[in-house]
N, C-alpha and C. Protein backbone atom coordinates (compact mmCIF):
# COMPACT_ATOMS: atom_id res chain seq x y z
N UNK A 1 112.84 136.09 73.71
CA UNK A 1 112.42 136.13 72.33
C UNK A 1 112.19 137.58 71.89
N UNK A 2 112.46 137.83 70.65
CA UNK A 2 112.27 139.18 70.13
C UNK A 2 110.78 139.45 69.92
N UNK A 3 110.35 140.67 70.17
CA UNK A 3 108.94 141.01 69.98
C UNK A 3 108.57 141.07 68.50
N UNK A 4 107.33 140.82 68.23
CA UNK A 4 106.82 140.91 66.87
C UNK A 4 106.09 142.22 66.70
N UNK A 5 106.00 142.66 65.48
CA UNK A 5 105.28 143.88 65.17
C UNK A 5 103.78 143.62 65.27
N UNK A 6 103.03 144.65 65.58
CA UNK A 6 101.58 144.54 65.66
C UNK A 6 101.03 144.05 64.34
N UNK A 7 100.09 143.12 64.41
CA UNK A 7 99.46 142.61 63.20
C UNK A 7 100.09 141.32 62.69
N UNK A 8 101.18 140.88 63.30
CA UNK A 8 101.79 139.62 62.89
C UNK A 8 100.85 138.48 63.21
N UNK A 9 100.91 137.47 62.39
CA UNK A 9 100.10 136.29 62.58
C UNK A 9 100.58 135.54 63.82
N UNK A 10 99.67 135.25 64.72
CA UNK A 10 100.01 134.57 65.97
C UNK A 10 100.61 133.19 65.70
N UNK A 11 100.08 132.49 64.73
CA UNK A 11 100.60 131.16 64.39
C UNK A 11 102.04 131.26 63.88
N UNK A 12 102.32 132.28 63.07
CA UNK A 12 103.69 132.47 62.59
C UNK A 12 104.63 132.80 63.73
N UNK A 13 104.18 133.61 64.66
CA UNK A 13 104.97 133.96 65.83
C UNK A 13 105.28 132.71 66.65
N UNK A 14 104.28 131.88 66.87
CA UNK A 14 104.47 130.66 67.65
C UNK A 14 105.44 129.72 66.95
N UNK A 15 105.35 129.61 65.63
CA UNK A 15 106.27 128.76 64.87
C UNK A 15 107.71 129.25 65.01
N UNK A 16 107.88 130.56 64.91
CA UNK A 16 109.23 131.12 65.03
C UNK A 16 109.78 130.88 66.44
N UNK A 17 108.97 131.09 67.46
CA UNK A 17 109.42 130.87 68.83
C UNK A 17 109.78 129.41 69.06
N UNK A 18 108.99 128.49 68.52
CA UNK A 18 109.30 127.06 68.62
C UNK A 18 110.63 126.75 67.92
N UNK A 19 110.82 127.34 66.76
CA UNK A 19 112.06 127.13 66.01
C UNK A 19 113.26 127.65 66.78
N UNK A 20 113.12 128.80 67.42
CA UNK A 20 114.22 129.38 68.20
C UNK A 20 114.54 128.49 69.39
N UNK A 21 113.51 127.96 70.06
CA UNK A 21 113.76 127.04 71.17
C UNK A 21 114.51 125.80 70.68
N UNK A 22 114.15 125.31 69.51
CA UNK A 22 114.85 124.16 68.93
C UNK A 22 116.30 124.47 68.62
N UNK A 23 116.54 125.67 68.14
CA UNK A 23 117.91 126.10 67.86
C UNK A 23 118.72 126.13 69.14
N UNK A 24 118.15 126.68 70.19
CA UNK A 24 118.86 126.73 71.48
C UNK A 24 119.24 125.32 71.91
N UNK A 25 118.32 124.38 71.83
CA UNK A 25 118.61 123.01 72.26
C UNK A 25 119.68 122.36 71.37
N UNK A 26 119.57 122.54 70.06
CA UNK A 26 120.59 121.97 69.15
C UNK A 26 121.97 122.53 69.44
N UNK A 27 122.03 123.84 69.63
CA UNK A 27 123.33 124.46 69.86
C UNK A 27 123.88 124.14 71.25
N UNK A 28 123.02 123.97 72.23
CA UNK A 28 123.49 123.53 73.55
C UNK A 28 124.17 122.18 73.42
N UNK A 29 123.57 121.28 72.64
CA UNK A 29 124.17 119.96 72.43
C UNK A 29 125.45 120.06 71.62
N UNK A 30 125.44 120.85 70.57
CA UNK A 30 126.59 120.95 69.68
C UNK A 30 127.79 121.62 70.35
N UNK A 31 127.53 122.56 71.26
CA UNK A 31 128.61 123.33 71.88
C UNK A 31 128.79 123.01 73.36
N UNK A 32 128.25 121.89 73.80
CA UNK A 32 128.31 121.56 75.24
C UNK A 32 129.74 121.41 75.75
N UNK A 33 130.67 121.04 74.90
CA UNK A 33 132.06 120.86 75.33
C UNK A 33 132.80 122.19 75.46
N UNK A 34 132.30 123.22 74.80
CA UNK A 34 133.05 124.48 74.76
C UNK A 34 132.32 125.69 75.32
N UNK A 35 131.00 125.60 75.45
CA UNK A 35 130.22 126.75 75.91
C UNK A 35 129.14 126.30 76.89
N UNK A 36 128.89 127.14 77.87
CA UNK A 36 127.83 126.85 78.84
C UNK A 36 126.47 127.06 78.18
N UNK A 37 125.43 126.45 78.75
CA UNK A 37 124.08 126.69 78.23
C UNK A 37 123.73 128.19 78.20
N UNK A 38 124.16 128.93 79.20
CA UNK A 38 123.87 130.37 79.25
C UNK A 38 124.55 131.10 78.10
N UNK A 39 125.76 130.70 77.76
CA UNK A 39 126.46 131.33 76.63
C UNK A 39 125.75 131.04 75.32
N UNK A 40 125.26 129.83 75.17
CA UNK A 40 124.51 129.47 73.96
C UNK A 40 123.22 130.29 73.89
N UNK A 41 122.51 130.36 74.99
CA UNK A 41 121.26 131.13 75.02
C UNK A 41 121.52 132.60 74.69
N UNK A 42 122.61 133.14 75.21
CA UNK A 42 122.95 134.54 74.94
C UNK A 42 123.29 134.74 73.46
N UNK A 43 124.00 133.80 72.86
CA UNK A 43 124.35 133.92 71.45
C UNK A 43 123.09 133.88 70.57
N UNK A 44 122.18 132.98 70.91
CA UNK A 44 120.93 132.89 70.14
C UNK A 44 120.10 134.15 70.34
N UNK A 45 120.02 134.63 71.55
CA UNK A 45 119.25 135.86 71.83
C UNK A 45 119.84 137.05 71.06
N UNK A 46 121.16 137.15 71.06
CA UNK A 46 121.82 138.23 70.33
C UNK A 46 121.53 138.13 68.83
N UNK A 47 121.65 136.93 68.30
CA UNK A 47 121.37 136.73 66.87
C UNK A 47 119.91 137.04 66.56
N UNK A 48 119.01 136.55 67.38
CA UNK A 48 117.58 136.77 67.15
C UNK A 48 117.23 138.26 67.23
N UNK A 49 117.82 138.96 68.17
CA UNK A 49 117.55 140.39 68.32
C UNK A 49 117.97 141.18 67.08
N UNK A 50 118.96 140.69 66.36
CA UNK A 50 119.43 141.42 65.18
C UNK A 50 118.41 141.39 64.04
N UNK A 51 117.39 140.54 64.15
CA UNK A 51 116.37 140.43 63.11
C UNK A 51 115.01 140.98 63.54
N UNK A 52 114.96 141.66 64.67
CA UNK A 52 113.69 142.11 65.24
C UNK A 52 112.89 143.02 64.29
N UNK A 53 113.56 143.85 63.54
CA UNK A 53 112.86 144.80 62.66
C UNK A 53 112.65 144.29 61.24
N UNK A 54 112.99 143.06 60.99
CA UNK A 54 112.83 142.51 59.64
C UNK A 54 111.38 142.11 59.40
N UNK A 55 110.77 142.63 58.35
CA UNK A 55 109.35 142.34 58.12
C UNK A 55 109.09 140.91 57.63
N UNK A 56 110.02 140.33 56.90
CA UNK A 56 109.84 138.97 56.40
C UNK A 56 110.46 138.02 57.42
N UNK A 57 109.64 137.18 58.04
CA UNK A 57 110.07 136.35 59.16
C UNK A 57 110.37 134.91 58.77
N UNK A 58 110.03 134.51 57.56
CA UNK A 58 110.09 133.10 57.17
C UNK A 58 111.45 132.45 57.40
N UNK A 59 112.53 133.16 57.09
CA UNK A 59 113.86 132.57 57.18
C UNK A 59 114.63 133.00 58.42
N UNK A 60 113.99 133.72 59.31
CA UNK A 60 114.68 134.22 60.51
C UNK A 60 115.30 133.08 61.32
N UNK A 61 114.60 131.98 61.59
CA UNK A 61 115.25 130.91 62.38
C UNK A 61 116.53 130.38 61.74
N UNK A 62 116.54 130.19 60.46
CA UNK A 62 117.75 129.70 59.76
C UNK A 62 118.88 130.71 59.91
N UNK A 63 118.56 131.96 59.73
CA UNK A 63 119.57 133.01 59.84
C UNK A 63 120.06 133.16 61.28
N UNK A 64 119.17 133.02 62.23
CA UNK A 64 119.55 133.09 63.65
C UNK A 64 120.52 131.96 63.98
N UNK A 65 120.21 130.76 63.52
CA UNK A 65 121.09 129.63 63.83
C UNK A 65 122.47 129.83 63.22
N UNK A 66 122.53 130.28 61.99
CA UNK A 66 123.83 130.54 61.35
C UNK A 66 124.62 131.59 62.11
N UNK A 67 123.96 132.68 62.48
CA UNK A 67 124.65 133.76 63.18
C UNK A 67 125.08 133.32 64.58
N UNK A 68 124.25 132.59 65.28
CA UNK A 68 124.60 132.12 66.63
C UNK A 68 125.77 131.14 66.56
N UNK A 69 125.76 130.24 65.57
CA UNK A 69 126.90 129.33 65.41
C UNK A 69 128.19 130.11 65.16
N UNK A 70 128.10 131.13 64.35
CA UNK A 70 129.27 131.96 64.06
C UNK A 70 129.78 132.64 65.33
N UNK A 71 128.87 133.16 66.13
CA UNK A 71 129.25 133.80 67.39
C UNK A 71 129.97 132.79 68.29
N UNK A 72 129.40 131.60 68.41
CA UNK A 72 129.98 130.59 69.29
C UNK A 72 131.30 130.05 68.75
N UNK A 73 131.39 129.89 67.44
CA UNK A 73 132.64 129.40 66.82
C UNK A 73 133.78 130.39 66.99
N UNK A 74 133.45 131.67 66.95
CA UNK A 74 134.48 132.71 66.95
C UNK A 74 134.80 133.30 68.31
N UNK A 75 134.07 132.89 69.34
CA UNK A 75 134.32 133.42 70.68
C UNK A 75 134.55 132.25 71.63
N UNK A 76 135.74 132.18 72.19
CA UNK A 76 135.98 131.09 73.15
C UNK A 76 135.09 131.24 74.38
N UNK A 77 134.87 130.15 75.02
CA UNK A 77 134.04 130.15 76.24
C UNK A 77 134.67 131.02 77.30
N UNK A 78 133.82 131.67 78.10
CA UNK A 78 134.31 132.52 79.18
C UNK A 78 135.04 131.70 80.24
N UNK A 79 134.62 130.45 80.41
CA UNK A 79 135.22 129.63 81.45
C UNK A 79 136.37 128.75 80.96
N UNK A 80 136.78 128.94 79.73
CA UNK A 80 137.86 128.11 79.17
C UNK A 80 139.21 128.68 79.49
């Protein structure tokens, strides 16, 4: 998970982390035929890291999911 800036609300941080875990699980299910769980986790981590410096966190999970889906859609599986 990406680190939060000092002073962030702990409850907001926990909500975002829960949302990211949910995204990982949804995408593992959605891409199970074409990508390994590790590839899905890496795509989500890469997407999430791209938002680390963004001060407004409310929509980060939605944006992470969109970006991770795009990564997975556009990159064939390593084992394919």
